[in-house]
């Protein structure tokens, strides 16, 4: 297993290659990237912060649970902190197993659970202000309906 919080670019190809083994029939990857908009607002960049030690412990626990719950062979779970530009990877999850179905299920469960439970916070910087995602509502005056 590879569980990390990093402060530099995540090498997706290297992570994917690192989880593959001869017994695997599938590797599923979730590559979370910074997009250029949120809820109709133009995004300039994102900043991620974390309670690093606790986040790493919880990420390890999630990976262990995924192996037990879904029966997958290996998991890589890497999250980046700091300032991220449009198009950069913020979180990468790779799951390897003999069969594709469980890799898809485990990968989806990992990202959904990570976002809900792990102490990593995202501040979205827009052309007209900044907000902490999911922790601070968009100001009504700046809200754009889509």
Protein backbone atom coordinates (compact mmCIF):
# COMPACT_ATOMS: atom_id res chain seq x y z
CA UNK A 1 0.00 0.00 0.00
CA UNK A 2 1.07 3.51 -0.72
CA UNK A 3 -0.55 6.18 1.46
CA UNK A 4 0.88 9.68 1.24
CA UNK A 5 0.25 13.36 1.63
CA UNK A 6 2.58 15.31 -0.65
CA UNK A 7 3.48 18.92 -1.34
CA UNK A 8 4.50 18.48 -4.97
CA UNK A 9 3.13 17.13 -8.25
CA UNK A 10 1.69 13.60 -8.12
CA UNK A 11 3.16 11.30 -10.79
CA UNK A 12 0.03 9.40 -11.88
CA UNK A 13 1.87 7.03 -14.23
CA UNK A 14 4.39 6.03 -11.55
CA UNK A 15 1.65 5.39 -8.99
CA UNK A 16 -0.34 3.29 -11.46
CA UNK A 17 2.74 1.26 -12.38
CA UNK A 18 3.52 0.78 -8.70
CA UNK A 19 0.23 -0.92 -7.87
CA UNK A 20 0.19 -3.37 -10.78
CA UNK A 21 1.15 -7.01 -10.14
CA UNK A 22 0.99 -10.25 -12.10
CA UNK A 23 -2.14 -11.46 -10.28
CA UNK A 24 -4.12 -8.35 -11.20
CA UNK A 25 -6.69 -8.22 -13.95
CA UNK A 26 -7.61 -4.59 -13.29
CA UNK A 27 -6.38 -1.33 -11.87
CA UNK A 28 -8.92 1.42 -11.40
CA UNK A 29 -7.75 5.00 -10.99
CA UNK A 30 -9.48 8.13 -9.74
CA UNK A 31 -7.48 11.22 -10.67
CA UNK A 32 -9.07 14.25 -9.02
CA UNK A 33 -7.99 17.36 -10.92
CA UNK A 34 -8.49 21.08 -10.37
CA UNK A 35 -11.16 22.39 -12.73
CA UNK A 36 -11.53 25.97 -13.93
CA UNK A 37 -15.00 26.58 -12.46
CA UNK A 38 -17.30 25.77 -9.56
CA UNK A 39 -21.02 26.48 -9.53
CA UNK A 40 -20.68 28.93 -12.40
CA UNK A 41 -17.75 30.84 -10.91
CA UNK A 42 -14.36 31.00 -12.59
CA UNK A 43 -11.73 29.27 -10.46
CA UNK A 44 -8.19 30.68 -10.38
CA UNK A 45 -6.59 28.01 -8.16
CA UNK A 46 -7.17 25.87 -5.06
CA UNK A 47 -5.31 25.65 -1.77
CA UNK A 48 -5.43 22.44 0.27
CA UNK A 49 -4.57 22.22 3.96
CA UNK A 50 -4.71 19.26 6.32
CA UNK A 51 -4.18 18.00 9.80
CA UNK A 52 -1.42 15.90 8.27
CA UNK A 53 -0.84 13.25 10.94
CA UNK A 54 -4.54 12.56 11.50
CA UNK A 55 -5.27 12.64 7.77
CA UNK A 56 -2.55 10.05 7.08
CA UNK A 57 -3.87 7.78 9.83
CA UNK A 58 -7.40 8.02 8.47
CA UNK A 59 -6.26 7.48 4.88
CA UNK A 60 -4.39 4.33 5.97
CA UNK A 61 -7.48 3.10 7.80
CA UNK A 62 -9.61 3.70 4.69
CA UNK A 63 -7.17 1.80 2.49
CA UNK A 64 -7.12 -1.11 4.96
CA UNK A 65 -10.92 -1.10 5.08
CA UNK A 66 -11.15 -1.10 1.28
CA UNK A 67 -8.93 -4.18 1.10
CA UNK A 68 -11.09 -5.98 3.65
CA UNK A 69 -14.49 -4.73 2.47
CA UNK A 70 -14.00 -5.17 -1.28
CA UNK A 71 -11.31 -7.86 -1.38
CA UNK A 72 -8.91 -5.83 -3.50
CA UNK A 73 -5.19 -6.61 -3.44
CA UNK A 74 -3.62 -3.16 -3.26
CA UNK A 75 -4.47 0.52 -2.81
CA UNK A 76 -2.56 3.72 -3.44
CA UNK A 77 -4.07 6.85 -1.89
CA UNK A 78 -2.20 10.12 -2.37
CA UNK A 79 -3.40 13.66 -1.63
CA UNK A 80 -1.56 16.85 -2.42
CA UNK A 81 -1.48 19.96 -0.23
CA UNK A 82 -0.64 23.57 -1.00
CA UNK A 83 -1.54 25.74 -3.98
CA UNK A 84 -2.76 23.80 -7.02
CA UNK A 85 -3.30 25.27 -10.46
CA UNK A 86 -6.00 24.38 -12.97
CA UNK A 87 -5.42 20.88 -14.39
CA UNK A 88 -3.20 19.63 -11.56
CA UNK A 89 -3.98 16.45 -9.63
CA UNK A 90 -5.19 17.03 -6.07
CA UNK A 91 -5.94 13.42 -5.13
CA UNK A 92 -5.04 10.13 -6.77
CA UNK A 93 -6.51 6.77 -5.88
CA UNK A 94 -5.43 3.53 -7.57
CA UNK A 95 -6.97 0.17 -6.68
CA UNK A 96 -5.66 -3.18 -7.97
CA UNK A 97 -7.41 -6.54 -7.97
CA UNK A 98 -7.93 -9.68 -9.99
CA UNK A 99 -11.34 -8.45 -11.18
CA UNK A 100 -12.57 -5.06 -12.42
CA UNK A 101 -15.88 -4.83 -10.55
CA UNK A 102 -14.40 -4.58 -7.08
CA UNK A 103 -11.75 -2.11 -8.23
CA UNK A 104 -14.46 0.29 -9.44
CA UNK A 105 -16.49 -0.14 -6.26
CA UNK A 106 -13.51 0.31 -3.95
CA UNK A 107 -12.20 3.33 -5.85
CA UNK A 108 -15.59 5.08 -5.69
CA UNK A 109 -16.02 4.24 -2.01
CA UNK A 110 -12.51 5.51 -1.20
CA UNK A 111 -12.94 8.95 -2.79
CA UNK A 112 -16.45 9.45 -1.42
CA UNK A 113 -15.43 8.42 2.10
CA UNK A 114 -12.16 10.37 2.03
CA UNK A 115 -13.98 13.58 1.10
CA UNK A 116 -16.47 13.12 3.96
CA UNK A 117 -14.17 11.99 6.75
CA UNK A 118 -10.49 12.89 6.31
CA UNK A 119 -9.33 16.25 7.74
CA UNK A 120 -8.24 17.85 4.46
CA UNK A 121 -9.69 21.24 3.58
CA UNK A 122 -9.97 23.01 0.25
CA UNK A 123 -10.08 26.77 -0.24
CA UNK A 124 -11.36 27.76 -3.66
CA UNK A 125 -9.98 31.01 -5.07
CA UNK A 126 -12.21 32.65 -7.67
CA UNK A 127 -11.89 35.79 -9.75
CA UNK A 128 -14.34 37.43 -7.32
CA UNK A 129 -13.30 36.04 -3.92
CA UNK A 130 -12.46 32.85 -2.05
CA UNK A 131 -14.34 30.33 0.11
CA UNK A 132 -13.58 27.16 2.03
CA UNK A 133 -15.38 24.39 0.15
CA UNK A 134 -18.26 22.78 2.04
CA UNK A 135 -17.27 24.63 5.17
CA UNK A 136 -18.48 28.08 4.25
CA UNK A 137 -21.51 28.82 2.09
CA UNK A 138 -21.15 30.91 -1.03
CA UNK A 139 -22.17 34.50 -0.31
CA UNK A 140 -25.64 35.07 -1.79
CA UNK A 141 -24.43 38.20 -3.60
CA UNK A 142 -21.84 36.14 -5.50
CA UNK A 143 -23.94 33.03 -6.15
CA UNK A 144 -24.51 32.09 -9.77
CA UNK A 145 -27.35 29.68 -10.53
CA UNK A 146 -26.58 26.95 -13.07
